[in-house]
């Protein structure tokens, strides 16, 4: 069961010298957020209906730094009973970038056993990896770096921001891979907005990055059931979002506030975690609000995590570490070679 997760950082890997380079400290799965139920409000736009998922708790994202990039970290390896198949959640920015400034950067670092996804709200980024991909991604784009048995990538603010300046804002959220896919060959995929579905209604709009919502379906295929919705709600909007009763669901508030079951109020930079068991999630927006609504089929497998590697056993972690040290995942210096100056 997911509740039997083991997050182990000190099981002897420190005895192996890091001959190539230190891991990026900010890329490690570290730090846990407390689950704090919000108090009931005396007045609320939520109905008193007993239908719909109950709230397990609310997380508040904490400030962190990945490389030179400021982030808000909502969770990192914890709360897997409620967030799996996701395992890590960072909002990067919003941060103002001046033209010709030194890029905000996360130097070349490895991943294995996970799919780091990147989604841009503003600005653009530069990605380069050991799979010979080197490209710019921008507003509305979605990238999946399926690390599998291991690969290296570098991330930084993109050429357009370097040339013109602007706002840099988006999300890097990791999907954990089930055990049967942990050692597949790595791959990199970038999807533009034409691969995603959109809904535009009077009281809300939705971008379906992954999965299906109200009959609108993303064209992006995944290895396992997962959904990723970007919702914008106008003041007074009520939504009842259908979900599989056996799947996990959580929502992150980007802007504004929302109310949900139990008349709990969720503010910007907070995550609300829902209990499983019901097939609908009720949301209400007292004012304009923007959220990410995420979830999918939980893996129900043990998790061992060490830095940017997420596996099912200690032995698998050791193998990943040795593969990285021996160069099987690629050369960090080569991946860093063509960085914006």
C-alpha atoms as a PDB file:
ATOM      1  CA  UNK A   1       0.000   0.000   0.000  1.00  0.00           C
ATOM      2  CA  UNK A   2       1.045   3.612  -0.542  1.00  0.00           C
ATOM      3  CA  UNK A   3       0.764   4.212   3.188  1.00  0.00           C
ATOM      4  CA  UNK A   4       3.761   1.908   3.656  1.00  0.00           C
ATOM      5  CA  UNK A   5       6.057   4.273   1.735  1.00  0.00           C
ATOM      6  CA  UNK A   6       9.706   4.436   2.699  1.00  0.00           C
ATOM      7  CA  UNK A   7      11.493   7.655   1.816  1.00  0.00           C
ATOM      8  CA  UNK A   8      15.104   6.802   2.526  1.00  0.00           C
ATOM      9  CA  UNK A   9      17.928   9.292   2.121  1.00  0.00           C
ATOM     10  CA  UNK A  10      20.705   7.715   4.196  1.00  0.00           C
ATOM     11  CA  UNK A  11      20.933   4.027   3.381  1.00  0.00           C
ATOM     12  CA  UNK A  12      24.620   3.956   2.565  1.00  0.00           C
ATOM     13  CA  UNK A  13      24.763   5.813  -0.739  1.00  0.00           C
ATOM     14  CA  UNK A  14      26.810   8.479   0.963  1.00  0.00           C
ATOM     15  CA  UNK A  15      29.591   5.915   1.124  1.00  0.00           C
ATOM     16  CA  UNK A  16      29.856   6.121  -2.655  1.00  0.00           C
ATOM     17  CA  UNK A  17      31.920   9.156  -3.627  1.00  0.00           C
ATOM     18  CA  UNK A  18      30.340  11.598  -6.046  1.00  0.00           C
ATOM     19  CA  UNK A  19      33.173  11.495  -8.556  1.00  0.00           C
ATOM     20  CA  UNK A  20      31.317  13.289 -11.365  1.00  0.00           C
ATOM     21  CA  UNK A  21      29.528  16.174  -9.622  1.00  0.00           C
ATOM     22  CA  UNK A  22      27.264  16.836  -6.663  1.00  0.00           C
ATOM     23  CA  UNK A  23      23.545  16.457  -7.154  1.00  0.00           C
ATOM     24  CA  UNK A  24      21.591  19.667  -7.431  1.00  0.00           C
ATOM     25  CA  UNK A  25      20.450  20.070  -3.839  1.00  0.00           C
ATOM     26  CA  UNK A  26      17.174  21.666  -4.831  1.00  0.00           C
ATOM     27  CA  UNK A  27      16.251  18.730  -7.038  1.00  0.00           C
ATOM     28  CA  UNK A  28      16.161  16.272  -4.138  1.00  0.00           C
ATOM     29  CA  UNK A  29      12.897  15.096  -2.668  1.00  0.00           C
ATOM     30  CA  UNK A  30      13.219  16.817   0.673  1.00  0.00           C
ATOM     31  CA  UNK A  31      10.950  18.626   3.057  1.00  0.00           C
ATOM     32  CA  UNK A  32       7.392  17.798   4.006  1.00  0.00           C
ATOM     33  CA  UNK A  33       4.428  20.135   4.370  1.00  0.00           C
ATOM     34  CA  UNK A  34       2.056  19.778   7.279  1.00  0.00           C
ATOM     35  CA  UNK A  35      -1.514  18.790   6.512  1.00  0.00           C
ATOM     36  CA  UNK A  36      -3.641  21.435   8.212  1.00  0.00           C
ATOM     37  CA  UNK A  37      -7.447  21.384   7.945  1.00  0.00           C
ATOM     38  CA  UNK A  38      -8.886  24.885   7.515  1.00  0.00           C
ATOM     39  CA  UNK A  39     -11.570  26.114   9.904  1.00  0.00           C
ATOM     40  CA  UNK A  40     -15.168  26.245   8.727  1.00  0.00           C
ATOM     41  CA  UNK A  41     -16.420  29.593   7.500  1.00  0.00           C
ATOM     42  CA  UNK A  42     -19.589  31.072   8.922  1.00  0.00           C
ATOM     43  CA  UNK A  43     -20.674  32.235   5.457  1.00  0.00           C
ATOM     44  CA  UNK A  44     -19.917  30.334   2.289  1.00  0.00           C
ATOM     45  CA  UNK A  45     -20.998  29.913  -1.308  1.00  0.00           C
ATOM     46  CA  UNK A  46     -20.729  26.139  -1.011  1.00  0.00           C
ATOM     47  CA  UNK A  47     -23.925  24.161  -0.677  1.00  0.00           C
ATOM     48  CA  UNK A  48     -24.560  21.902   2.297  1.00  0.00           C
ATOM     49  CA  UNK A  49     -24.855  18.840   0.059  1.00  0.00           C
ATOM     50  CA  UNK A  50     -23.303  15.754   1.576  1.00  0.00           C
ATOM     51  CA  UNK A  51     -22.416  14.486  -1.888  1.00  0.00           C
ATOM     52  CA  UNK A  52     -18.904  14.899  -3.193  1.00  0.00           C
ATOM     53  CA  UNK A  53     -15.426  14.173  -1.919  1.00  0.00           C
ATOM     54  CA  UNK A  54     -14.387  15.157   1.558  1.00  0.00           C
ATOM     55  CA  UNK A  55     -11.229  17.126   2.245  1.00  0.00           C
ATOM     56  CA  UNK A  56      -8.344  15.285   3.891  1.00  0.00           C
ATOM     57  CA  UNK A  57      -6.230  18.377   4.458  1.00  0.00           C
ATOM     58  CA  UNK A  58      -4.608  21.498   3.054  1.00  0.00           C
ATOM     59  CA  UNK A  59      -0.912  22.075   2.299  1.00  0.00           C
ATOM     60  CA  UNK A  60       0.789  25.452   2.007  1.00  0.00           C
ATOM     61  CA  UNK A  61       3.657  25.674  -0.487  1.00  0.00           C
ATOM     62  CA  UNK A  62       7.031  26.678   0.931  1.00  0.00           C
ATOM     63  CA  UNK A  63       9.673  28.878  -0.676  1.00  0.00           C
ATOM     64  CA  UNK A  64      12.725  27.023  -1.961  1.00  0.00           C
ATOM     65  CA  UNK A  65      15.526  27.405  -4.477  1.00  0.00           C
ATOM     66  CA  UNK A  66      16.417  25.015  -7.306  1.00  0.00           C
ATOM     67  CA  UNK A  67      19.735  26.039  -8.802  1.00  0.00           C
ATOM     68  CA  UNK A  68      19.270  29.807  -9.149  1.00  0.00           C
ATOM     69  CA  UNK A  69      15.513  29.522  -9.681  1.00  0.00           C
ATOM     70  CA  UNK A  70      13.081  30.512  -6.875  1.00  0.00           C
ATOM     71  CA  UNK A  71      10.208  28.054  -6.460  1.00  0.00           C
ATOM     72  CA  UNK A  72       7.208  27.359  -4.268  1.00  0.00           C
ATOM     73  CA  UNK A  73       7.237  23.692  -3.251  1.00  0.00           C
ATOM     74  CA  UNK A  74       3.863  22.181  -2.388  1.00  0.00           C
ATOM     75  CA  UNK A  75       5.016  18.616  -1.713  1.00  0.00           C
ATOM     76  CA  UNK A  76       8.099  16.497  -2.278  1.00  0.00           C
ATOM     77  CA  UNK A  77       7.713  12.768  -1.790  1.00  0.00           C
ATOM     78  CA  UNK A  78       5.192  13.019   1.035  1.00  0.00           C
ATOM     79  CA  UNK A  79       1.390  12.541   1.126  1.00  0.00           C
ATOM     80  CA  UNK A  80       1.539   9.803  -1.515  1.00  0.00           C
ATOM     81  CA  UNK A  81      -1.716   8.312  -0.251  1.00  0.00           C
ATOM     82  CA  UNK A  82      -3.395  11.425  -1.650  1.00  0.00           C
ATOM     83  CA  UNK A  83      -1.210  12.633  -4.561  1.00  0.00           C
ATOM     84  CA  UNK A  84       0.058   9.470  -6.313  1.00  0.00           C
ATOM     85  CA  UNK A  85       0.718   9.074  -9.273  1.00  0.00           C
ATOM     86  CA  UNK A  86       2.242  12.535  -8.737  1.00  0.00           C
ATOM     87  CA  UNK A  87       5.188  12.679  -6.355  1.00  0.00           C
ATOM     88  CA  UNK A  88       6.642  16.223  -6.438  1.00  0.00           C
ATOM     89  CA  UNK A  89       5.180  19.692  -7.081  1.00  0.00           C
ATOM     90  CA  UNK A  90       6.984  22.997  -7.717  1.00  0.00           C
ATOM     91  CA  UNK A  91       5.647  26.306  -8.982  1.00  0.00           C
ATOM     92  CA  UNK A  92       8.530  28.314 -10.453  1.00  0.00           C
ATOM     93  CA  UNK A  93       8.162  32.080 -10.406  1.00  0.00           C
ATOM     94  CA  UNK A  94       6.442  34.258 -11.210  1.00  0.00           C
ATOM     95  CA  UNK A  95       9.720  36.138 -11.448  1.00  0.00           C
ATOM     96  CA  UNK A  96      10.618  39.170 -13.573  1.00  0.00           C
ATOM     97  CA  UNK A  97      13.535  38.544 -15.922  1.00  0.00           C
ATOM     98  CA  UNK A  98      15.398  41.516 -17.389  1.00  0.00           C
ATOM     99  CA  UNK A  99      16.752  41.363 -20.918  1.00  0.00           C
ATOM    100  CA  UNK A 100      20.379  40.190 -21.102  1.00  0.00           C
ATOM    101  CA  UNK A 101      20.405  39.105 -17.441  1.00  0.00           C
ATOM    102  CA  UNK A 102      22.222  35.892 -16.597  1.00  0.00           C
ATOM    103  CA  UNK A 103      19.670  33.085 -17.098  1.00  0.00           C
ATOM    104  CA  UNK A 104      17.972  31.478 -14.126  1.00  0.00           C
ATOM    105  CA  UNK A 105      19.301  27.968 -14.358  1.00  0.00           C
ATOM    106  CA  UNK A 106      19.320  24.445 -13.012  1.00  0.00           C
ATOM    107  CA  UNK A 107      22.551  22.867 -14.226  1.00  0.00           C
ATOM    108  CA  UNK A 108      22.682  19.366 -15.723  1.00  0.00           C
ATOM    109  CA  UNK A 109      21.353  16.771 -13.301  1.00  0.00           C
ATOM    110  CA  UNK A 110      20.020  13.199 -13.573  1.00  0.00           C
ATOM    111  CA  UNK A 111      16.573  11.698 -13.131  1.00  0.00           C
ATOM    112  CA  UNK A 112      15.376   8.102 -13.057  1.00  0.00           C
ATOM    113  CA  UNK A 113      12.066   6.399 -12.364  1.00  0.00           C
ATOM    114  CA  UNK A 114       9.965   9.542 -12.807  1.00  0.00           C
ATOM    115  CA  UNK A 115       8.478  11.808 -15.480  1.00  0.00           C
ATOM    116  CA  UNK A 116       9.243  15.453 -14.716  1.00  0.00           C
ATOM    117  CA  UNK A 117       6.587  17.517 -16.498  1.00  0.00           C
ATOM    118  CA  UNK A 118       6.948  21.232 -17.242  1.00  0.00           C
ATOM    119  CA  UNK A 119       4.066  23.585 -18.057  1.00  0.00           C
ATOM    120  CA  UNK A 120       4.515  27.274 -18.845  1.00  0.00           C
ATOM    121  CA  UNK A 121       2.068  30.018 -17.923  1.00  0.00           C
ATOM    122  CA  UNK A 122       4.390  32.874 -18.927  1.00  0.00           C
ATOM    123  CA  UNK A 123       7.784  33.307 -20.563  1.00  0.00           C
ATOM    124  CA  UNK A 124       9.820  30.517 -22.052  1.00  0.00           C
ATOM    125  CA  UNK A 125      12.507  28.017 -21.160  1.00  0.00           C
ATOM    126  CA  UNK A 126      15.493  26.225 -22.645  1.00  0.00           C
ATOM    127  CA  UNK A 127      15.815  22.456 -22.221  1.00  0.00           C
ATOM    128  CA  UNK A 128      18.854  20.399 -23.174  1.00  0.00           C
ATOM    129  CA  UNK A 129      19.391  16.716 -22.318  1.00  0.00           C
ATOM    130  CA  UNK A 130      21.586  13.668 -22.798  1.00  0.00           C
ATOM    131  CA  UNK A 131      19.108  12.307 -25.372  1.00  0.00           C
ATOM    132  CA  UNK A 132      20.297  14.970 -27.863  1.00  0.00           C
ATOM    133  CA  UNK A 133      17.245  17.194 -27.442  1.00  0.00           C
ATOM    134  CA  UNK A 134      17.893  20.938 -27.324  1.00  0.00           C
ATOM    135  CA  UNK A 135      14.853  23.199 -27.655  1.00  0.00           C
ATOM    136  CA  UNK A 136      12.896  26.215 -26.430  1.00  0.00           C
ATOM    137  CA  UNK A 137       9.459  25.796 -24.822  1.00  0.00           C
ATOM    138  CA  UNK A 138       7.018  28.596 -24.126  1.00  0.00           C
ATOM    139  CA  UNK A 139       3.656  29.715 -22.832  1.00  0.00           C
ATOM    140  CA  UNK A 140       1.051  26.958 -22.933  1.00  0.00           C
ATOM    141  CA  UNK A 141       3.571  24.252 -23.858  1.00  0.00           C
ATOM    142  CA  UNK A 142       3.848  20.995 -21.928  1.00  0.00           C
ATOM    143  CA  UNK A 143       6.956  18.822 -21.707  1.00  0.00           C
ATOM    144  CA  UNK A 144       7.340  15.269 -20.415  1.00  0.00           C
ATOM    145  CA  UNK A 145      10.885  14.080 -19.636  1.00  0.00           C
ATOM    146  CA  UNK A 146      10.327  10.347 -19.204  1.00  0.00           C
ATOM    147  CA  UNK A 147      13.533   9.470 -17.378  1.00  0.00           C
ATOM    148  CA  UNK A 148      12.976   5.699 -17.022  1.00  0.00           C
ATOM    149  CA  UNK A 149      16.318   3.998 -16.393  1.00  0.00           C
ATOM    150  CA  UNK A 150      18.039   7.367 -16.295  1.00  0.00           C
ATOM    151  CA  UNK A 151      18.949  10.487 -18.255  1.00  0.00           C
ATOM    152  CA  UNK A 152      20.375  13.960 -17.638  1.00  0.00           C
ATOM    153  CA  UNK A 153      18.882  17.342 -18.454  1.00  0.00           C
ATOM    154  CA  UNK A 154      19.544  21.047 -17.952  1.00  0.00           C
ATOM    155  CA  UNK A 155      16.882  23.751 -17.572  1.00  0.00           C
ATOM    156  CA  UNK A 156      17.073  27.542 -17.765  1.00  0.00           C
ATOM    157  CA  UNK A 157      15.155  30.632 -18.814  1.00  0.00           C
ATOM    158  CA  UNK A 158      14.807  30.756 -22.593  1.00  0.00           C
ATOM    159  CA  UNK A 159      16.198  32.827 -25.461  1.00  0.00           C
ATOM    160  CA  UNK A 160      13.141  35.091 -25.816  1.00  0.00           C
ATOM    161  CA  UNK A 161      13.381  36.080 -22.161  1.00  0.00           C
ATOM    162  CA  UNK A 162      17.127  36.591 -22.565  1.00  0.00           C
ATOM    163  CA  UNK A 163      16.568  38.850 -25.591  1.00  0.00           C
ATOM    164  CA  UNK A 164      13.469  40.769 -24.482  1.00  0.00           C
ATOM    165  CA  UNK A 165      12.925  40.136 -20.785  1.00  0.00           C
ATOM    166  CA  UNK A 166       9.531  39.333 -19.282  1.00  0.00           C
ATOM    167  CA  UNK A 167       7.765  37.192 -16.700  1.00  0.00           C
ATOM    168  CA  UNK A 168       8.888  33.604 -16.066  1.00  0.00           C
ATOM    169  CA  UNK A 169       6.173  31.443 -14.530  1.00  0.00           C
ATOM    170  CA  UNK A 170       5.103  27.812 -14.635  1.00  0.00           C
ATOM    171  CA  UNK A 171       5.137  24.426 -12.986  1.00  0.00           C
ATOM    172  CA  UNK A 172       7.445  21.444 -12.765  1.00  0.00           C
ATOM    173  CA  UNK A 173       5.472  18.505 -11.415  1.00  0.00           C
ATOM    174  CA  UNK A 174       6.853  14.975 -11.306  1.00  0.00           C
ATOM    175  CA  UNK A 175       4.854  11.894 -12.169  1.00  0.00           C
ATOM    176  CA  UNK A 176       6.073   8.744 -10.472  1.00  0.00           C
ATOM    177  CA  UNK A 177       6.417   5.774 -12.830  1.00  0.00           C
ATOM    178  CA  UNK A 178       4.952   2.367 -11.881  1.00  0.00           C
ATOM    179  CA  UNK A 179       7.486  -0.386 -11.234  1.00  0.00           C
ATOM    180  CA  UNK A 180       6.948  -1.998 -14.637  1.00  0.00           C
ATOM    181  CA  UNK A 181       8.119   1.188 -16.369  1.00  0.00           C
ATOM    182  CA  UNK A 182      10.968   2.196 -14.043  1.00  0.00           C
ATOM    183  CA  UNK A 183      13.693   0.936 -16.370  1.00  0.00           C
ATOM    184  CA  UNK A 184      12.287   1.770 -19.813  1.00  0.00           C
ATOM    185  CA  UNK A 185      14.477   3.744 -22.212  1.00  0.00           C
ATOM    186  CA  UNK A 186      14.244   7.485 -21.490  1.00  0.00           C
ATOM    187  CA  UNK A 187      12.484   9.871 -23.884  1.00  0.00           C
ATOM    188  CA  UNK A 188      11.616  13.557 -24.202  1.00  0.00           C
ATOM    189  CA  UNK A 189       8.339  14.881 -25.630  1.00  0.00           C
ATOM    190  CA  UNK A 190       7.096  18.451 -26.082  1.00  0.00           C
ATOM    191  CA  UNK A 191       3.426  19.162 -26.760  1.00  0.00           C
ATOM    192  CA  UNK A 192       1.984  22.405 -28.077  1.00  0.00           C
ATOM    193  CA  UNK A 193      -1.526  23.650 -27.363  1.00  0.00           C
ATOM    194  CA  UNK A 194      -3.003  21.880 -30.406  1.00  0.00           C
ATOM    195  CA  UNK A 195      -2.532  18.580 -28.543  1.00  0.00           C
ATOM    196  CA  UNK A 196      -4.580  19.793 -25.565  1.00  0.00           C
ATOM    197  CA  UNK A 197      -8.339  20.262 -25.368  1.00  0.00           C
ATOM    198  CA  UNK A 198     -10.055  23.454 -24.262  1.00  0.00           C
ATOM    199  CA  UNK A 199     -13.433  24.329 -22.778  1.00  0.00           C
ATOM    200  CA  UNK A 200     -14.746  27.901 -22.749  1.00  0.00           C
ATOM    201  CA  UNK A 201     -17.980  28.478 -20.889  1.00  0.00           C
ATOM    202  CA  UNK A 202     -19.660  31.560 -19.418  1.00  0.00           C
ATOM    203  CA  UNK A 203     -18.424  30.969 -15.866  1.00  0.00           C
ATOM    204  CA  UNK A 204     -15.206  29.060 -16.412  1.00  0.00           C
ATOM    205  CA  UNK A 205     -12.586  27.927 -18.892  1.00  0.00           C
ATOM    206  CA  UNK A 206     -10.462  24.801 -18.842  1.00  0.00           C
ATOM    207  CA  UNK A 207      -7.339  23.565 -20.553  1.00  0.00           C
ATOM    208  CA  UNK A 208      -7.147  19.776 -20.510  1.00  0.00           C
ATOM    209  CA  UNK A 209      -3.421  19.073 -20.548  1.00  0.00           C
ATOM    210  CA  UNK A 210      -3.842  15.371 -19.718  1.00  0.00           C
ATOM    211  CA  UNK A 211      -6.961  13.258 -19.459  1.00  0.00           C
ATOM    212  CA  UNK A 212     -10.593  14.114 -20.165  1.00  0.00           C
ATOM    213  CA  UNK A 213     -13.055  16.615 -18.711  1.00  0.00           C
ATOM    214  CA  UNK A 214     -16.730  17.018 -19.664  1.00  0.00           C
ATOM    215  CA  UNK A 215     -16.115  15.209 -22.965  1.00  0.00           C
ATOM    216  CA  UNK A 216     -13.081  17.304 -23.946  1.00  0.00           C
ATOM    217  CA  UNK A 217     -10.047  15.032 -24.236  1.00  0.00           C
ATOM    218  CA  UNK A 218      -6.320  15.706 -24.494  1.00  0.00           C
ATOM    219  CA  UNK A 219      -4.467  14.058 -27.388  1.00  0.00           C
ATOM    220  CA  UNK A 220      -1.432  13.418 -25.193  1.00  0.00           C
ATOM    221  CA  UNK A 221      -1.079   9.728 -24.322  1.00  0.00           C
ATOM    222  CA  UNK A 222       0.273   8.533 -20.977  1.00  0.00           C
ATOM    223  CA  UNK A 223       1.614   5.241 -19.622  1.00  0.00           C
ATOM    224  CA  UNK A 224      -1.001   5.143 -16.856  1.00  0.00           C
ATOM    225  CA  UNK A 225      -4.290   6.903 -15.987  1.00  0.00           C
ATOM    226  CA  UNK A 226      -3.622  10.525 -14.998  1.00  0.00           C
ATOM    227  CA  UNK A 227      -5.263  13.914 -15.480  1.00  0.00           C
ATOM    228  CA  UNK A 228      -3.967  17.489 -15.440  1.00  0.00           C
ATOM    229  CA  UNK A 229      -6.487  20.353 -15.804  1.00  0.00           C
ATOM    230  CA  UNK A 230      -5.800  24.104 -15.798  1.00  0.00           C
ATOM    231  CA  UNK A 231      -9.020  25.843 -14.716  1.00  0.00           C
ATOM    232  CA  UNK A 232     -10.004  29.511 -14.584  1.00  0.00           C
ATOM    233  CA  UNK A 233     -13.190  30.227 -12.622  1.00  0.00           C
ATOM    234  CA  UNK A 234     -15.157  33.470 -12.606  1.00  0.00           C
ATOM    235  CA  UNK A 235     -16.756  34.922  -9.483  1.00  0.00           C
ATOM    236  CA  UNK A 236     -19.695  32.807  -8.342  1.00  0.00           C
ATOM    237  CA  UNK A 237     -18.717  29.790 -10.438  1.00  0.00           C
ATOM    238  CA  UNK A 238     -19.707  26.351  -9.150  1.00  0.00           C
ATOM    239  CA  UNK A 239     -18.210  23.219 -10.643  1.00  0.00           C
ATOM    240  CA  UNK A 240     -18.907  19.562  -9.961  1.00  0.00           C
ATOM    241  CA  UNK A 241     -15.975  17.718 -11.510  1.00  0.00           C
ATOM    242  CA  UNK A 242     -16.518  13.984 -12.143  1.00  0.00           C
ATOM    243  CA  UNK A 243     -13.694  11.687 -11.017  1.00  0.00           C
ATOM    244  CA  UNK A 244     -13.032   7.979 -10.696  1.00  0.00           C
ATOM    245  CA  UNK A 245     -13.865   7.028  -7.062  1.00  0.00           C
ATOM    246  CA  UNK A 246     -10.644   4.980  -6.855  1.00  0.00           C
ATOM    247  CA  UNK A 247      -8.357   7.746  -8.138  1.00  0.00           C
ATOM    248  CA  UNK A 248      -6.540  10.423  -6.163  1.00  0.00           C
ATOM    249  CA  UNK A 249      -7.490  14.078  -6.646  1.00  0.00           C
ATOM    250  CA  UNK A 250      -5.907  17.309  -5.462  1.00  0.00           C
ATOM    251  CA  UNK A 251      -6.096  20.954  -6.483  1.00  0.00           C
ATOM    252  CA  UNK A 252      -3.571  23.795  -6.309  1.00  0.00           C
ATOM    253  CA  UNK A 253      -4.727  27.415  -6.223  1.00  0.00           C
ATOM    254  CA  UNK A 254      -2.602  29.652  -8.444  1.00  0.00           C
ATOM    255  CA  UNK A 255      -4.629  32.847  -7.956  1.00  0.00           C
ATOM    256  CA  UNK A 256      -7.650  33.817  -5.900  1.00  0.00           C
ATOM    257  CA  UNK A 257      -9.521  31.497  -3.539  1.00  0.00           C
ATOM    258  CA  UNK A 258     -11.813  28.513  -3.862  1.00  0.00           C
ATOM    259  CA  UNK A 259     -14.196  26.784  -1.486  1.00  0.00           C
ATOM    260  CA  UNK A 260     -14.851  23.070  -1.393  1.00  0.00           C
ATOM    261  CA  UNK A 261     -16.358  20.306   0.750  1.00  0.00           C
ATOM    262  CA  UNK A 262     -16.921  21.245   4.384  1.00  0.00           C
ATOM    263  CA  UNK A 263     -16.933  24.887   3.265  1.00  0.00           C
ATOM    264  CA  UNK A 264     -13.170  24.912   3.468  1.00  0.00           C
ATOM    265  CA  UNK A 265     -11.467  27.908   1.895  1.00  0.00           C
ATOM    266  CA  UNK A 266      -8.281  27.292  -0.086  1.00  0.00           C
ATOM    267  CA  UNK A 267      -6.066  30.295  -0.849  1.00  0.00           C
ATOM    268  CA  UNK A 268      -3.356  30.973  -3.420  1.00  0.00           C
ATOM    269  CA  UNK A 269      -0.281  28.721  -3.118  1.00  0.00           C
ATOM    270  CA  UNK A 270      -2.208  26.057  -1.230  1.00  0.00           C
ATOM    271  CA  UNK A 271      -3.066  22.467  -2.176  1.00  0.00           C
ATOM    272  CA  UNK A 272      -6.278  20.788  -1.091  1.00  0.00           C
ATOM    273  CA  UNK A 273      -6.062  16.992  -0.807  1.00  0.00           C
ATOM    274  CA  UNK A 274      -9.260  15.000  -1.231  1.00  0.00           C
ATOM    275  CA  UNK A 275     -10.184  11.638   0.231  1.00  0.00           C
ATOM    276  CA  UNK A 276     -11.044   8.860  -2.212  1.00  0.00           C
ATOM    277  CA  UNK A 277     -14.444   7.187  -2.422  1.00  0.00           C
ATOM    278  CA  UNK A 278     -16.794   9.613  -4.182  1.00  0.00           C
ATOM    279  CA  UNK A 279     -17.169  10.295  -7.901  1.00  0.00           C
ATOM    280  CA  UNK A 280     -17.459  14.087  -7.817  1.00  0.00           C
ATOM    281  CA  UNK A 281     -15.446  17.039  -6.469  1.00  0.00           C
ATOM    282  CA  UNK A 282     -17.420  20.210  -5.777  1.00  0.00           C
ATOM    283  CA  UNK A 283     -15.715  23.590  -6.124  1.00  0.00           C
ATOM    284  CA  UNK A 284     -16.952  27.151  -5.681  1.00  0.00           C
ATOM    285  CA  UNK A 285     -15.130  30.372  -6.508  1.00  0.00           C
ATOM    286  CA  UNK A 286     -16.263  33.461  -4.547  1.00  0.00           C
ATOM    287  CA  UNK A 287     -14.110  35.640  -6.823  1.00  0.00           C
ATOM    288  CA  UNK A 288     -11.981  35.002  -9.885  1.00  0.00           C
ATOM    289  CA  UNK A 289      -9.678  32.039  -9.341  1.00  0.00           C
ATOM    290  CA  UNK A 290      -7.126  30.016 -11.265  1.00  0.00           C
ATOM    291  CA  UNK A 291      -6.247  26.465 -10.257  1.00  0.00           C
ATOM    292  CA  UNK A 292      -4.563  23.247 -11.316  1.00  0.00           C
ATOM    293  CA  UNK A 293      -6.748  20.180 -10.788  1.00  0.00           C
ATOM    294  CA  UNK A 294      -4.677  16.980 -10.821  1.00  0.00           C
ATOM    295  CA  UNK A 295      -4.799  13.292 -10.005  1.00  0.00           C
ATOM    296  CA  UNK A 296      -5.007   9.778 -11.352  1.00  0.00           C
ATOM    297  CA  UNK A 297      -4.696   6.129 -10.495  1.00  0.00           C
ATOM    298  CA  UNK A 298      -2.483   5.615  -7.422  1.00  0.00           C
ATOM    299  CA  UNK A 299       0.357   3.125  -7.879  1.00  0.00           C
ATOM    300  CA  UNK A 300       0.017   1.418  -4.470  1.00  0.00           C
ATOM    301  CA  UNK A 301       3.723   0.553  -4.515  1.00  0.00           C
ATOM    302  CA  UNK A 302       6.573   1.232  -2.076  1.00  0.00           C
ATOM    303  CA  UNK A 303       8.681   4.280  -2.901  1.00  0.00           C
ATOM    304  CA  UNK A 304      12.405   4.722  -2.271  1.00  0.00           C
ATOM    305  CA  UNK A 305      13.691   8.187  -3.139  1.00  0.00           C
ATOM    306  CA  UNK A 306      17.190   9.602  -3.209  1.00  0.00           C
ATOM    307  CA  UNK A 307      17.587  13.048  -4.712  1.00  0.00           C
ATOM    308  CA  UNK A 308      16.262  12.991  -8.288  1.00  0.00           C
ATOM    309  CA  UNK A 309      15.861   9.186  -8.346  1.00  0.00           C
ATOM    310  CA  UNK A 310      12.523   7.607  -7.342  1.00  0.00           C
ATOM    311  CA  UNK A 311      12.382   3.818  -7.318  1.00  0.00           C
ATOM    312  CA  UNK A 312      10.694   0.930  -5.502  1.00  0.00           C
ATOM    313  CA  UNK A 313      13.681  -0.583  -3.673  1.00  0.00           C
ATOM    314  CA  UNK A 314      16.975   0.453  -2.144  1.00  0.00           C
ATOM    315  CA  UNK A 315      18.825  -1.814  -4.594  1.00  0.00           C
ATOM    316  CA  UNK A 316      17.259   0.002  -7.565  1.00  0.00           C
ATOM    317  CA  UNK A 317      18.372   3.351  -6.164  1.00  0.00           C
ATOM    318  CA  UNK A 318      21.922   2.070  -5.793  1.00  0.00           C
ATOM    319  CA  UNK A 319      21.881   0.853  -9.403  1.00  0.00           C
ATOM    320  CA  UNK A 320      20.708   4.274 -10.623  1.00  0.00           C
ATOM    321  CA  UNK A 321      23.393   6.036  -8.644  1.00  0.00           C
ATOM    322  CA  UNK A 322      26.140   3.780  -9.999  1.00  0.00           C
ATOM    323  CA  UNK A 323      24.795   4.134 -13.545  1.00  0.00           C
ATOM    324  CA  UNK A 324      24.972   7.906 -13.166  1.00  0.00           C
ATOM    325  CA  UNK A 325      28.497   7.785 -11.742  1.00  0.00           C
ATOM    326  CA  UNK A 326      29.703   5.525 -14.562  1.00  0.00           C
ATOM    327  CA  UNK A 327      28.302   7.809 -17.269  1.00  0.00           C
ATOM    328  CA  UNK A 328      25.499   5.531 -18.466  1.00  0.00           C
ATOM    329  CA  UNK A 329      22.999   8.379 -18.083  1.00  0.00           C
ATOM    330  CA  UNK A 330      25.112  10.801 -20.085  1.00  0.00           C
ATOM    331  CA  UNK A 331      27.754  13.481 -19.573  1.00  0.00           C
ATOM    332  CA  UNK A 332      26.668  16.505 -17.479  1.00  0.00           C
ATOM    333  CA  UNK A 333      29.402  18.686 -18.995  1.00  0.00           C
ATOM    334  CA  UNK A 334      28.183  17.944 -22.526  1.00  0.00           C
ATOM    335  CA  UNK A 335      24.574  18.685 -21.566  1.00  0.00           C
ATOM    336  CA  UNK A 336      25.622  22.036 -20.079  1.00  0.00           C
ATOM    337  CA  UNK A 337      27.729  22.980 -23.117  1.00  0.00           C
ATOM    338  CA  UNK A 338      25.347  25.203 -25.095  1.00  0.00           C
ATOM    339  CA  UNK A 339      23.772  27.312 -22.368  1.00  0.00           C
ATOM    340  CA  UNK A 340      22.601  30.872 -23.121  1.00  0.00           C
ATOM    341  CA  UNK A 341      25.307  33.393 -22.286  1.00  0.00           C
END
